[in-house]
Amino acid sequence: MGRTPIVDDEVMHARLAEVFRGMAGAAVRAGAAEQDAERRARAALVRIEGALVVARVLDDPSVFEQVLGELPDLLAR
């Protein structure tokens, strides 16, 4: 038997979309055009998700903390 997911896929998608919109909005407020803001937000999400995986595999939360520290520069370049 398969495991029951902790969070429904639809709920997870909605939350991730909300985070994406928030980051894109932050990039727009920092002066980015809409299309560039979306690119920055997408890149930020990819880095966050990758850092979460690596931090868990290495049992080293500093990997994730480093990426979080880089987010303002990534979104506001």
Protein backbone atom coordinates (compact mmCIF):
# COMPACT_ATOMS: atom_id res chain seq x y z
CA MET A 1 0.00 0.00 0.00
CA GLY A 2 1.13 3.53 -0.75
CA ARG A 3 1.63 6.15 1.89
CA THR A 4 -0.88 8.91 2.33
CA PRO A 5 0.80 12.22 1.51
CA ILE A 6 1.12 14.68 4.37
CA VAL A 7 0.06 17.55 2.12
CA ASP A 8 -2.31 17.18 -0.81
CA ASP A 9 -0.66 17.96 -4.19
CA GLU A 10 -3.23 20.66 -4.90
CA VAL A 11 -2.55 22.35 -1.57
CA MET A 12 1.21 22.13 -2.09
CA HIS A 13 0.89 23.60 -5.58
CA ALA A 14 -1.22 26.50 -4.27
CA ARG A 15 1.26 27.26 -1.48
CA LEU A 16 4.23 27.12 -3.83
CA ALA A 17 2.43 29.42 -6.27
CA GLU A 18 1.79 31.86 -3.42
CA VAL A 19 5.48 31.84 -2.45
CA PHE A 20 6.44 32.34 -6.10
CA ARG A 21 4.10 35.33 -6.44
CA GLY A 22 5.48 36.82 -3.23
CA MET A 23 9.07 36.52 -4.40
CA ALA A 24 8.23 37.88 -7.84
CA GLY A 25 6.47 40.79 -6.14
CA ALA A 26 9.55 41.47 -4.05
CA ALA A 27 11.67 41.55 -7.20
CA VAL A 28 9.24 43.98 -8.86
CA ARG A 29 9.37 46.24 -5.80
CA ALA A 30 13.17 46.12 -6.08
CA GLY A 31 12.88 47.46 -9.63
CA ALA A 32 12.70 44.37 -11.86
CA ALA A 33 10.40 44.20 -14.86
CA GLU A 34 7.58 41.63 -14.55
CA GLN A 35 9.24 39.01 -16.77
CA ASP A 36 12.62 39.39 -15.07
CA ALA A 37 10.94 39.27 -11.65
CA GLU A 38 9.36 35.92 -12.53
CA ARG A 39 12.72 34.60 -13.73
CA ARG A 40 14.34 35.68 -10.48
CA ALA A 41 11.56 34.12 -8.40
CA ARG A 42 11.86 30.85 -10.32
CA ALA A 43 15.64 30.81 -9.81
CA ALA A 44 15.17 31.50 -6.11
CA LEU A 45 12.70 28.62 -5.73
CA VAL A 46 15.05 26.24 -7.51
CA ARG A 47 17.91 27.27 -5.24
CA ILE A 48 15.78 26.94 -2.10
CA GLU A 49 14.50 23.49 -3.04
CA GLY A 50 17.97 22.32 -4.03
CA ALA A 51 19.46 23.63 -0.80
CA LEU A 52 16.80 21.82 1.22
CA VAL A 53 17.69 18.53 -0.46
CA VAL A 54 21.44 19.00 -0.07
CA ALA A 55 21.13 20.16 3.54
CA ARG A 56 19.10 17.09 4.39
CA VAL A 57 21.43 14.66 2.58
CA LEU A 58 24.52 16.18 4.18
CA ASP A 59 22.78 16.78 7.51
CA ASP A 60 24.11 20.33 7.28
CA PRO A 61 21.56 23.12 7.62
CA SER A 62 24.20 25.74 6.82
CA VAL A 63 23.70 24.95 3.11
CA PHE A 64 20.08 26.08 3.36
CA GLU A 65 20.98 29.05 5.56
CA GLN A 66 23.52 30.21 2.98
CA VAL A 67 20.91 30.20 0.22
CA LEU A 68 18.45 32.09 2.40
CA GLY A 69 21.13 34.72 2.99
CA GLU A 70 21.61 35.09 -0.77
CA LEU A 71 17.92 35.57 -1.58
CA PRO A 72 17.80 39.37 -1.19
CA ASP A 73 20.61 39.77 -3.72
CA LEU A 74 19.08 37.23 -6.08
CA LEU A 75 15.68 38.93 -6.07
CA ALA A 76 16.95 42.52 -6.11
CA ARG A 77 19.88 42.42 -8.54
